[in-house]
Protein backbone atom coordinates (compact mmCIF):
# COMPACT_ATOMS: atom_id res chain seq x y z
CA MET A 1 205.92 -55.45 177.66
CA ASN A 2 208.08 -57.84 179.70
CA GLY A 3 207.98 -55.57 182.98
CA HIS A 4 210.14 -52.69 181.39
CA ALA A 5 208.93 -49.11 181.22
CA THR A 6 206.95 -48.08 178.05
CA GLN A 7 209.38 -46.37 175.68
CA VAL A 8 207.90 -43.36 173.99
CA PHE A 9 208.91 -41.22 171.07
CA VAL A 10 207.18 -37.71 171.16
CA VAL A 11 206.48 -35.93 167.95
CA ALA A 12 205.18 -32.11 168.26
CA PRO A 13 205.78 -29.29 166.06
CA ALA A 14 206.23 -26.77 169.19
CA PRO A 15 209.07 -27.24 171.70
CA PHE A 16 206.87 -26.33 174.60
CA ALA A 17 204.60 -29.07 173.70
CA ARG A 18 207.31 -31.75 173.57
CA ALA A 19 208.67 -30.60 176.93
CA GLY A 20 205.06 -30.57 178.37
CA LEU A 21 204.55 -34.21 177.18
CA ARG A 22 207.97 -35.25 178.40
CA SER A 23 207.22 -33.85 181.71
CA MET A 24 203.52 -35.29 181.98
CA LEU A 25 204.24 -38.82 180.99
CA GLU A 26 207.49 -39.10 183.22
CA ASP A 27 205.70 -37.44 186.10
CA PRO A 28 206.34 -39.66 189.29
CA GLU A 29 202.97 -39.30 190.46
CA MET A 30 201.50 -40.92 187.36
CA GLY A 31 203.75 -44.05 187.86
CA ASP A 32 206.99 -45.07 186.80
CA GLY A 33 206.01 -47.01 183.87
CA VAL A 34 206.61 -44.46 181.10
CA GLN A 35 209.98 -43.33 179.85
CA VAL A 36 210.45 -40.72 176.93
CA VAL A 37 213.20 -41.89 174.73
CA GLY A 38 213.28 -39.16 172.16
CA GLU A 39 211.40 -36.42 170.62
CA ALA A 40 211.29 -34.36 167.38
CA GLY A 41 209.49 -31.41 165.75
CA SER A 42 208.31 -33.60 162.96
CA LEU A 43 208.36 -37.41 161.55
CA VAL A 44 211.05 -36.42 159.18
CA GLU A 45 213.27 -35.14 161.94
CA ALA A 46 212.93 -38.35 163.97
CA GLY A 47 216.05 -39.85 165.15
CA PRO A 48 217.12 -43.46 165.76
CA GLU A 49 215.33 -43.47 169.04
CA LEU A 50 212.15 -43.76 167.05
CA SER A 51 212.83 -47.34 166.34
CA GLU A 52 213.25 -48.16 170.06
CA ALA A 53 209.99 -47.09 171.27
CA ASP A 54 207.11 -48.97 172.15
CA VAL A 55 204.86 -45.96 171.36
CA VAL A 56 204.99 -42.96 169.16
CA VAL A 57 203.05 -40.12 170.34
CA VAL A 58 202.21 -37.36 167.73
CA VAL A 59 200.50 -33.99 168.18
CA VAL A 60 198.57 -33.03 165.02
CA ALA A 61 198.61 -29.43 164.48
CA GLY A 62 195.16 -27.78 163.80
CA ASP A 63 196.20 -26.96 160.16
CA GLU A 64 197.35 -30.31 159.33
CA PHE A 65 195.68 -32.99 157.07
CA VAL A 66 194.93 -35.49 159.68
CA GLU A 67 194.22 -38.30 157.53
CA GLU A 68 197.57 -37.98 155.81
CA THR A 69 199.46 -37.50 159.15
CA ALA A 70 197.79 -40.60 160.28
CA ARG A 71 198.83 -42.52 157.12
CA THR A 72 202.36 -41.08 157.13
CA VAL A 73 202.88 -41.96 160.74
CA ALA A 74 201.39 -45.40 160.51
CA GLU A 75 203.43 -46.52 157.55
CA LEU A 76 206.72 -44.95 159.20
CA VAL A 77 205.99 -46.71 162.20
CA ALA A 78 205.46 -49.95 160.53
CA GLU A 79 208.75 -49.64 158.73
CA GLU A 80 210.69 -48.58 161.85
CA GLY A 81 208.87 -51.37 163.95
CA THR A 82 207.39 -49.17 166.45
CA GLN A 83 204.49 -51.26 168.18
CA ALA A 84 201.97 -48.50 169.00
CA ILE A 85 200.65 -45.08 167.77
CA LEU A 86 198.92 -42.40 169.78
CA LEU A 87 197.63 -39.24 167.85
CA LEU A 88 196.52 -36.23 170.10
CA SER A 89 193.94 -34.48 167.74
CA GLU A 90 190.54 -33.08 167.76
CA ASP A 91 189.76 -34.62 164.47
CA ASP A 92 188.46 -38.41 164.22
CA ARG A 93 189.14 -38.87 160.50
CA SER A 94 192.18 -40.59 161.10
CA LEU A 95 190.72 -43.49 162.70
CA PRO A 96 189.98 -45.85 159.65
CA THR A 97 193.69 -45.09 158.48
CA LEU A 98 194.95 -46.09 161.82
CA ARG A 99 192.96 -49.21 162.04
CA SER A 100 194.06 -50.46 158.74
CA LEU A 101 197.74 -49.55 158.85
CA ALA A 102 198.77 -49.49 162.55
CA PRO A 103 201.05 -52.43 163.43
CA ARG A 104 199.60 -52.97 166.85
CA GLY A 105 197.55 -50.78 169.34
CA TRP A 106 196.65 -47.29 168.40
CA GLY A 107 194.36 -44.28 169.63
CA VAL A 108 193.39 -40.89 169.30
CA VAL A 109 192.85 -38.31 172.17
CA SER A 110 192.20 -34.80 172.39
CA PRO A 111 195.29 -32.48 172.88
CA ASP A 112 193.19 -30.91 175.64
CA ALA A 113 192.85 -34.34 177.53
CA PRO A 114 193.85 -34.40 181.07
CA PRO A 115 197.27 -35.85 181.86
CA GLU A 116 195.65 -38.86 183.54
CA GLU A 117 193.77 -39.73 180.20
CA VAL A 118 196.89 -39.16 177.90
CA TRP A 119 199.01 -41.35 180.23
CA ALA A 120 196.29 -44.07 180.49
CA ALA A 121 196.12 -44.04 176.55
CA VAL A 122 199.84 -44.44 176.19
CA ALA A 123 199.63 -47.47 178.40
CA ALA A 124 196.70 -48.97 176.67
CA VAL A 125 197.88 -48.73 173.13
CA ALA A 126 201.39 -50.20 174.26
CA ARG A 127 199.27 -53.20 175.38
CA GLY A 128 197.83 -53.50 171.92
CA LEU A 129 194.46 -52.05 172.76
CA VAL A 130 192.54 -49.17 170.88
CA VAL A 131 191.80 -46.00 172.45
CA LEU A 132 188.87 -43.80 170.84
CA PRO A 133 188.13 -40.17 171.28
CA ARG A 134 185.83 -39.60 174.13
CA ALA A 135 183.02 -37.66 172.29
CA LEU A 136 183.06 -40.66 169.79
CA THR A 137 182.83 -43.31 172.50
CA GLU A 138 179.95 -41.48 174.07
CA ARG A 139 178.18 -41.33 170.65
CA LEU A 140 178.57 -44.90 170.14
CA LEU A 141 177.67 -45.81 173.65
CA GLN A 142 174.33 -43.58 173.39
CA GLY A 143 173.69 -44.91 169.84
CA PRO A 144 170.94 -47.65 169.14
CA ALA A 145 173.23 -50.24 167.54
CA VAL A 146 173.42 -52.68 170.43
CA PHE A 147 170.57 -53.03 173.26
CA GLY A 148 170.62 -55.91 175.77
CA GLY A 149 173.59 -57.27 174.09
CA ALA A 150 171.89 -58.16 170.76
CA LEU A 151 172.30 -56.57 167.33
CA GLU A 152 169.47 -54.24 166.39
CA GLU A 153 168.31 -54.41 162.74
CA LEU A 154 168.47 -51.00 160.76
CA VAL A 155 165.35 -49.28 160.19
CA GLU A 156 166.38 -49.22 156.43
CA PRO A 157 168.88 -51.93 155.56
CA LEU A 158 172.15 -51.13 153.60
CA THR A 159 172.19 -52.41 149.80
CA PRO A 160 174.74 -55.07 148.86
CA ARG A 161 176.69 -52.08 147.20
CA GLU A 162 176.52 -49.95 150.31
CA ARG A 163 177.74 -52.84 152.23
CA GLU A 164 180.84 -53.12 149.81
CA VAL A 165 181.54 -49.58 150.31
CA LEU A 166 181.30 -49.73 153.83
CA GLY A 167 183.77 -52.38 154.02
CA LEU A 168 186.25 -50.24 151.91
CA LEU A 169 185.61 -47.36 154.34
CA GLY A 170 186.73 -49.81 156.91
CA GLN A 171 189.88 -50.25 155.12
CA GLY A 172 190.48 -46.50 155.31
CA LEU A 173 189.81 -45.91 151.47
CA SER A 174 188.96 -42.35 150.30
CA ASN A 175 185.93 -41.87 147.94
CA LYS A 176 188.31 -41.78 144.98
CA MET A 177 190.18 -45.07 145.87
CA ILE A 178 186.58 -46.54 146.70
CA ALA A 179 185.44 -45.48 143.01
CA ARG A 180 188.59 -47.03 141.22
CA ASP A 181 188.13 -50.23 143.33
CA LEU A 182 184.37 -50.64 142.55
CA HIS A 183 184.59 -49.35 138.82
CA ILE A 184 182.04 -46.44 139.75
CA SER A 185 182.36 -42.56 139.43
CA GLU A 186 183.61 -40.77 142.41
CA HIS A 187 180.19 -38.91 142.52
CA THR A 188 178.50 -42.31 142.89
CA ALA A 189 180.95 -43.34 145.56
CA LYS A 190 180.07 -40.05 147.68
CA PHE A 191 176.43 -40.90 147.12
CA HIS A 192 176.63 -44.32 148.79
CA VAL A 193 178.75 -42.97 151.42
CA SER A 194 176.07 -40.30 152.16
CA SER A 195 173.51 -42.96 152.24
CA ILE A 196 175.46 -45.11 154.56
CA TYR A 197 175.74 -41.99 156.94
CA THR A 198 172.03 -41.58 156.93
CA LYS A 199 171.08 -45.39 157.57
CA LEU A 200 173.66 -45.93 160.28
CA GLY A 201 172.92 -42.48 162.04
CA ALA A 202 176.77 -41.63 161.52
CA SER A 203 178.38 -38.26 161.13
CA SER A 204 181.72 -39.35 160.00
CA ARG A 205 183.73 -42.19 158.16
CA ALA A 206 185.21 -43.33 161.64
CA GLU A 207 181.69 -43.56 163.31
CA ALA A 208 180.23 -45.22 160.11
CA VAL A 209 182.78 -47.97 160.46
CA SER A 210 182.34 -48.32 164.19
CA LEU A 211 178.59 -48.54 163.90
CA GLY A 212 178.79 -50.79 160.94
CA ALA A 213 180.85 -53.18 163.08
CA ARG A 214 178.48 -53.02 166.09
CA HIS A 215 175.59 -53.77 163.68
CA GLY A 216 177.58 -56.71 162.40
CA LEU A 217 177.89 -55.50 158.93
CA ILE A 218 181.66 -55.55 158.82
CA SER A 219 184.49 -56.89 161.05
CA LEU A 220 187.12 -54.75 162.54
């Protein structure tokens, strides 16, 4: 970051949410390393300050399609040149999309996360790091994928086709896109995804990708 304060652009539907984030991020007690350079109620309302930011922080409302929001912000951010993305969301379905499209650092934290956690997440993604939701991180750390630093074999290994599907999940593709890419029906694609979940012990696409990487099945 060349010693300058991290420049942040805030996107949140509610004015009080934008004001709260600005106040929190620029709180002197948190440090003097963050400066909010602009804010907007939505991505389409974002002004030219967006291109000046190091990090764009987006509050995802509960009724929004989180995967579509993640794709939109990632594509816009890449176009504008912003370096990093942080979503405030309870939904981790955005992770594969962010991983495949975010130009640099990215992360997801809960909207209810304490100020210290949000501030630390902004600082982390600005440095090119990845911030995962706490609940997902805890599941991964408690999971069986890695023990004693060595990869553990699955009780039931993935088939070659399932590994192909897992790789496409890692690219953020939907079931429909996976079916199109592999020239199979969408129903068959869903069946393979379900089988992958079962074999990896995953409960979401993001967790399947993370566990697949930890098992050495795909590279992130």
